[in-house]
Amino acid sequence: MIRAEPWSIRAVASSDRHGGSNAGVGYFAIPIDVAAEVMGQLVDNGKVVRGYIGHYVSDIRDGLAESFGYERAGGALVQIVSFETVAEHSALGAARRERAREPSAREISA
């Protein structure tokens, strides 16, 4: 006897921004464990709750590194810290409140 279990749900996202041509159609799969968690939250709470730190980070590439006067590219730049989030109540928020004029760089290793 063959036993089959689902491992993902196929989903479709379409965009009507192109005058109905569906040029923005994309297919992707949602892992079954994520789908089960979402379903459980919807049944229990009527909504899905996700964690959100509250910041936007981008890579520091050549042009950005040069504009800051860094010797080389690499690392990350915290661009946005959203209000009333974990990030705001951390050191990231303190840095935003200080309105630092110059970016401070410190190397962090994993």
N, C-alpha and C. Protein backbone atom coordinates (compact mmCIF):
# COMPACT_ATOMS: atom_id res chain seq x y z
N MET A 1 0.83 -1.17 0.00
CA MET A 1 0.00 0.00 0.00
C MET A 1 0.89 1.25 0.00
N ILE A 2 0.58 2.19 -0.84
CA ILE A 2 1.32 3.44 -0.95
C ILE A 2 0.64 4.48 -0.05
N ARG A 3 1.45 5.14 0.75
CA ARG A 3 0.93 6.17 1.64
C ARG A 3 1.47 7.53 1.17
N ALA A 4 0.58 8.42 0.81
CA ALA A 4 0.99 9.74 0.33
C ALA A 4 0.59 10.80 1.35
N GLU A 5 1.52 11.72 1.60
CA GLU A 5 1.23 12.84 2.49
C GLU A 5 1.60 14.13 1.77
N PRO A 6 0.79 15.18 1.95
CA PRO A 6 1.12 16.45 1.29
C PRO A 6 2.35 17.08 1.93
N TRP A 7 3.17 17.73 1.13
CA TRP A 7 4.33 18.42 1.66
C TRP A 7 4.29 19.90 1.32
N SER A 8 3.38 20.29 0.43
CA SER A 8 3.21 21.71 0.13
C SER A 8 1.85 21.93 -0.51
N ILE A 9 1.46 23.19 -0.56
CA ILE A 9 0.23 23.59 -1.24
C ILE A 9 0.64 24.51 -2.38
N ARG A 10 0.19 24.21 -3.57
CA ARG A 10 0.50 25.04 -4.72
C ARG A 10 -0.38 26.28 -4.66
N ALA A 11 0.21 27.43 -4.83
CA ALA A 11 -0.53 28.68 -4.77
C ALA A 11 -0.23 29.51 -6.01
N VAL A 12 -1.16 30.39 -6.34
CA VAL A 12 -1.00 31.26 -7.50
C VAL A 12 -1.21 32.70 -7.06
N ALA A 13 -0.33 33.56 -7.47
CA ALA A 13 -0.48 34.99 -7.23
C ALA A 13 -0.58 35.66 -8.58
N SER A 14 -1.61 36.45 -8.77
CA SER A 14 -1.73 37.14 -10.05
C SER A 14 -1.81 38.63 -9.83
N SER A 15 -1.42 39.35 -10.84
CA SER A 15 -1.42 40.80 -10.79
C SER A 15 -2.27 41.31 -11.94
N ASP A 16 -3.17 42.20 -11.62
CA ASP A 16 -4.03 42.78 -12.65
C ASP A 16 -3.52 44.16 -13.06
N ARG A 17 -2.28 44.45 -12.70
CA ARG A 17 -1.71 45.76 -13.02
C ARG A 17 -1.46 45.92 -14.51
N HIS A 18 -1.48 44.86 -15.25
CA HIS A 18 -1.12 44.92 -16.66
C HIS A 18 -2.36 44.87 -17.55
N GLY A 19 -3.42 45.50 -17.11
CA GLY A 19 -4.62 45.57 -17.93
C GLY A 19 -5.31 44.24 -18.14
N GLY A 20 -5.22 43.34 -17.18
CA GLY A 20 -5.90 42.06 -17.29
C GLY A 20 -5.16 41.02 -18.08
N SER A 21 -3.93 41.29 -18.46
CA SER A 21 -3.19 40.33 -19.27
C SER A 21 -2.62 39.20 -18.43
N ASN A 22 -2.69 39.32 -17.11
CA ASN A 22 -2.13 38.33 -16.20
C ASN A 22 -0.65 38.07 -16.43
N ALA A 23 0.04 39.10 -16.90
CA ALA A 23 1.48 38.97 -17.12
C ALA A 23 2.22 38.82 -15.79
N GLY A 24 1.54 39.12 -14.70
CA GLY A 24 2.17 39.02 -13.39
C GLY A 24 1.80 37.76 -12.65
N VAL A 25 1.45 36.68 -13.34
CA VAL A 25 1.07 35.44 -12.68
C VAL A 25 2.33 34.71 -12.22
N GLY A 26 2.30 34.26 -10.98
CA GLY A 26 3.44 33.51 -10.46
C GLY A 26 2.95 32.31 -9.67
N TYR A 27 3.61 31.21 -9.79
CA TYR A 27 3.27 29.99 -9.07
C TYR A 27 4.33 29.74 -8.02
N PHE A 28 3.91 29.36 -6.85
CA PHE A 28 4.85 29.02 -5.80
C PHE A 28 4.20 28.01 -4.87
N ALA A 29 5.00 27.39 -4.04
CA ALA A 29 4.50 26.38 -3.11
C ALA A 29 4.66 26.86 -1.68
N ILE A 30 3.65 26.63 -0.88
CA ILE A 30 3.69 26.95 0.54
C ILE A 30 3.97 25.65 1.28
N PRO A 31 5.06 25.58 2.07
CA PRO A 31 5.36 24.35 2.81
C PRO A 31 4.18 23.95 3.70
N ILE A 32 3.91 22.67 3.80
CA ILE A 32 2.73 22.19 4.52
C ILE A 32 2.77 22.56 5.99
N ASP A 33 3.96 22.62 6.60
CA ASP A 33 4.02 23.00 8.01
C ASP A 33 3.63 24.46 8.22
N VAL A 34 3.98 25.32 7.27
CA VAL A 34 3.58 26.72 7.34
C VAL A 34 2.07 26.84 7.15
N ALA A 35 1.53 26.11 6.17
CA ALA A 35 0.09 26.13 5.92
C ALA A 35 -0.68 25.62 7.13
N ALA A 36 -0.18 24.58 7.78
CA ALA A 36 -0.86 24.03 8.96
C ALA A 36 -0.83 25.03 10.11
N GLU A 37 0.29 25.72 10.29
CA GLU A 37 0.38 26.74 11.36
C GLU A 37 -0.58 27.89 11.10
N VAL A 38 -0.63 28.36 9.85
CA VAL A 38 -1.55 29.44 9.49
C VAL A 38 -2.99 29.01 9.72
N MET A 39 -3.33 27.81 9.28
CA MET A 39 -4.69 27.31 9.47
C MET A 39 -5.05 27.25 10.95
N GLY A 40 -4.13 26.73 11.76
CA GLY A 40 -4.37 26.66 13.20
C GLY A 40 -4.60 28.02 13.82
N GLN A 41 -3.81 29.01 13.42
CA GLN A 41 -3.97 30.37 13.95
C GLN A 41 -5.31 30.97 13.51
N LEU A 42 -5.69 30.73 12.25
CA LEU A 42 -6.98 31.24 11.77
C LEU A 42 -8.15 30.63 12.54
N VAL A 43 -8.07 29.33 12.78
CA VAL A 43 -9.13 28.64 13.52
C VAL A 43 -9.18 29.13 14.97
N ASP A 44 -8.01 29.24 15.62
CA ASP A 44 -7.95 29.60 17.03
C ASP A 44 -8.21 31.08 17.29
N ASN A 45 -7.65 31.96 16.44
CA ASN A 45 -7.67 33.40 16.71
C ASN A 45 -8.46 34.23 15.71
N GLY A 46 -8.77 33.64 14.56
CA GLY A 46 -9.44 34.40 13.52
C GLY A 46 -8.50 35.29 12.73
N LYS A 47 -7.22 35.22 13.03
CA LYS A 47 -6.21 36.00 12.31
C LYS A 47 -4.86 35.31 12.44
N VAL A 48 -3.91 35.75 11.60
CA VAL A 48 -2.56 35.20 11.63
C VAL A 48 -1.66 36.22 12.30
N VAL A 49 -0.88 35.75 13.26
CA VAL A 49 0.04 36.63 13.98
C VAL A 49 1.47 36.26 13.58
N ARG A 50 2.21 37.24 13.16
CA ARG A 50 3.60 37.03 12.75
C ARG A 50 4.51 37.95 13.55
N GLY A 51 5.73 37.51 13.77
CA GLY A 51 6.71 38.34 14.44
C GLY A 51 7.21 39.43 13.50
N TYR A 52 7.48 40.60 14.06
CA TYR A 52 7.98 41.72 13.27
C TYR A 52 8.93 42.53 14.13
N ILE A 53 10.17 42.63 13.71
CA ILE A 53 11.16 43.37 14.48
C ILE A 53 11.00 44.87 14.26
N GLY A 54 10.79 45.29 13.02
CA GLY A 54 10.54 46.70 12.76
C GLY A 54 11.69 47.47 12.17
N HIS A 55 12.49 46.83 11.37
CA HIS A 55 13.58 47.55 10.72
C HIS A 55 13.77 47.06 9.29
N TYR A 56 14.41 47.89 8.48
CA TYR A 56 14.71 47.54 7.10
C TYR A 56 16.22 47.64 6.92
N VAL A 57 16.83 46.58 6.43
CA VAL A 57 18.28 46.51 6.30
C VAL A 57 18.64 46.25 4.84
N SER A 58 19.70 46.89 4.37
CA SER A 58 20.18 46.61 3.02
C SER A 58 21.68 46.36 3.06
N ASP A 59 22.18 45.72 2.02
CA ASP A 59 23.61 45.44 1.91
C ASP A 59 24.36 46.73 1.60
N ILE A 60 25.58 46.83 2.11
CA ILE A 60 26.44 47.96 1.75
C ILE A 60 27.29 47.50 0.58
N ARG A 61 26.95 47.98 -0.58
CA ARG A 61 27.68 47.63 -1.80
C ARG A 61 28.65 48.74 -2.17
N ASP A 62 29.35 48.57 -3.27
CA ASP A 62 30.43 49.48 -3.64
C ASP A 62 30.04 50.96 -3.63
N GLY A 63 28.97 51.32 -4.33
CA GLY A 63 28.59 52.72 -4.42
C GLY A 63 28.23 53.33 -3.07
N LEU A 64 27.49 52.58 -2.27
CA LEU A 64 27.09 53.06 -0.94
C LEU A 64 28.30 53.17 -0.02
N ALA A 65 29.17 52.17 -0.07
CA ALA A 65 30.38 52.20 0.75
C ALA A 65 31.23 53.42 0.40
N GLU A 66 31.36 53.69 -0.89
CA GLU A 66 32.14 54.84 -1.34
C GLU A 66 31.50 56.14 -0.86
N SER A 67 30.18 56.25 -0.92
CA SER A 67 29.51 57.48 -0.51
C SER A 67 29.67 57.74 1.00
N PHE A 68 29.84 56.69 1.79
CA PHE A 68 30.07 56.85 3.22
C PHE A 68 31.55 57.01 3.56
N GLY A 69 32.42 56.84 2.55
CA GLY A 69 33.84 56.94 2.78
C GLY A 69 34.47 55.69 3.36
N TYR A 70 33.77 54.55 3.23
CA TYR A 70 34.31 53.28 3.72
C TYR A 70 35.37 52.77 2.74
N GLU A 71 36.34 52.06 3.25
CA GLU A 71 37.40 51.54 2.41
C GLU A 71 36.94 50.41 1.51
N ARG A 72 35.94 49.64 1.97
CA ARG A 72 35.47 48.50 1.18
C ARG A 72 33.98 48.29 1.41
N ALA A 73 33.37 47.59 0.48
CA ALA A 73 31.96 47.24 0.60
C ALA A 73 31.81 46.06 1.54
N GLY A 74 30.62 45.86 2.03
CA GLY A 74 30.34 44.74 2.91
C GLY A 74 29.58 45.20 4.13
N GLY A 75 28.84 44.30 4.70
CA GLY A 75 28.08 44.64 5.89
C GLY A 75 26.66 45.02 5.55
N ALA A 76 26.00 45.66 6.49
CA ALA A 76 24.60 46.00 6.33
C ALA A 76 24.34 47.41 6.85
N LEU A 77 23.34 48.04 6.28
CA LEU A 77 22.92 49.38 6.68
C LEU A 77 21.48 49.31 7.16
N VAL A 78 21.23 49.75 8.38
CA VAL A 78 19.86 49.83 8.88
C VAL A 78 19.29 51.13 8.33
N GLN A 79 18.34 51.01 7.41
CA GLN A 79 17.80 52.19 6.74
C GLN A 79 16.58 52.75 7.44
N ILE A 80 15.71 51.88 7.94
CA ILE A 80 14.46 52.33 8.53
C ILE A 80 14.25 51.60 9.85
N VAL A 81 13.84 52.35 10.86
CA VAL A 81 13.41 51.78 12.13
C VAL A 81 11.98 52.26 12.34
N SER A 82 11.02 51.34 12.32
CA SER A 82 9.61 51.70 12.43
C SER A 82 9.23 52.05 13.87
N PHE A 83 8.25 52.95 14.01
CA PHE A 83 7.77 53.37 15.32
C PHE A 83 7.02 52.25 16.04
N GLU A 84 7.11 52.25 17.35
CA GLU A 84 6.40 51.32 18.22
C GLU A 84 6.67 49.86 17.87
N THR A 85 7.92 49.53 17.62
CA THR A 85 8.33 48.16 17.32
C THR A 85 9.46 47.76 18.25
N VAL A 86 9.81 46.49 18.23
CA VAL A 86 10.93 45.99 19.02
C VAL A 86 12.20 46.75 18.64
N ALA A 87 12.40 47.00 17.37
CA ALA A 87 13.61 47.70 16.92
C ALA A 87 13.69 49.11 17.50
N GLU A 88 12.56 49.80 17.58
CA GLU A 88 12.58 51.16 18.12
C GLU A 88 12.95 51.16 19.60
N HIS A 89 12.50 50.16 20.33
CA HIS A 89 12.76 50.11 21.76
C HIS A 89 14.14 49.52 22.08
N SER A 90 14.92 49.24 21.04
CA SER A 90 16.28 48.71 21.21
C SER A 90 17.28 49.82 20.91
N ALA A 91 18.52 49.43 20.80
CA ALA A 91 19.57 50.40 20.46
C ALA A 91 19.35 51.01 19.09
N LEU A 92 18.67 50.31 18.19
CA LEU A 92 18.39 50.87 16.87
C LEU A 92 17.51 52.11 16.99
N GLY A 93 16.53 52.04 17.87
CA GLY A 93 15.65 53.19 18.09
C GLY A 93 16.39 54.34 18.74
N ALA A 94 17.28 54.02 19.68
CA ALA A 94 18.07 55.06 20.34
C ALA A 94 18.93 55.79 19.33
N ALA A 95 19.51 55.05 18.41
CA ALA A 95 20.34 55.67 17.37
C ALA A 95 19.49 56.58 16.49
N ARG A 96 18.26 56.16 16.18
CA ARG A 96 17.39 56.99 15.36
C ARG A 96 17.01 58.27 16.11
N ARG A 97 16.75 58.15 17.40
CA ARG A 97 16.36 59.33 18.17
C ARG A 97 17.50 60.33 18.28
N GLU A 98 18.73 59.85 18.25
CA GLU A 98 19.88 60.75 18.31
C GLU A 98 20.08 61.49 17.00
N ARG A 99 19.44 61.01 15.95
CA ARG A 99 19.57 61.62 14.61
C ARG A 99 21.03 61.76 14.21
N ALA A 100 21.75 60.66 14.30
CA ALA A 100 23.17 60.66 13.98
C ALA A 100 23.40 61.21 12.58
N ARG A 101 24.32 62.13 12.47
CA ARG A 101 24.60 62.75 11.17
C ARG A 101 25.51 61.87 10.32
N GLU A 102 26.39 61.16 10.94
CA GLU A 102 27.33 60.30 10.23
C GLU A 102 27.04 58.85 10.57
N PRO A 103 27.10 57.97 9.59
CA PRO A 103 26.90 56.55 9.91
C PRO A 103 28.04 56.04 10.76
N SER A 104 27.73 55.27 11.76
CA SER A 104 28.79 54.67 12.56
C SER A 104 28.99 53.24 12.06
N ALA A 105 30.23 52.88 11.91
CA ALA A 105 30.52 51.55 11.38
C ALA A 105 31.27 50.76 12.43
N ARG A 106 30.84 49.56 12.63
CA ARG A 106 31.60 48.64 13.45
C ARG A 106 31.44 47.27 12.84
N GLU A 107 32.52 46.55 12.82
CA GLU A 107 32.51 45.24 12.19
C GLU A 107 31.95 44.21 13.15
N ILE A 108 31.02 43.42 12.64
CA ILE A 108 30.39 42.37 13.44
C ILE A 108 30.66 41.05 12.73
N SER A 109 31.20 40.09 13.44
CA SER A 109 31.45 38.79 12.84
C SER A 109 30.45 37.78 13.35
N ALA A 110 30.15 36.80 12.51
CA ALA A 110 29.15 35.80 12.90
C ALA A 110 29.70 34.78 13.84
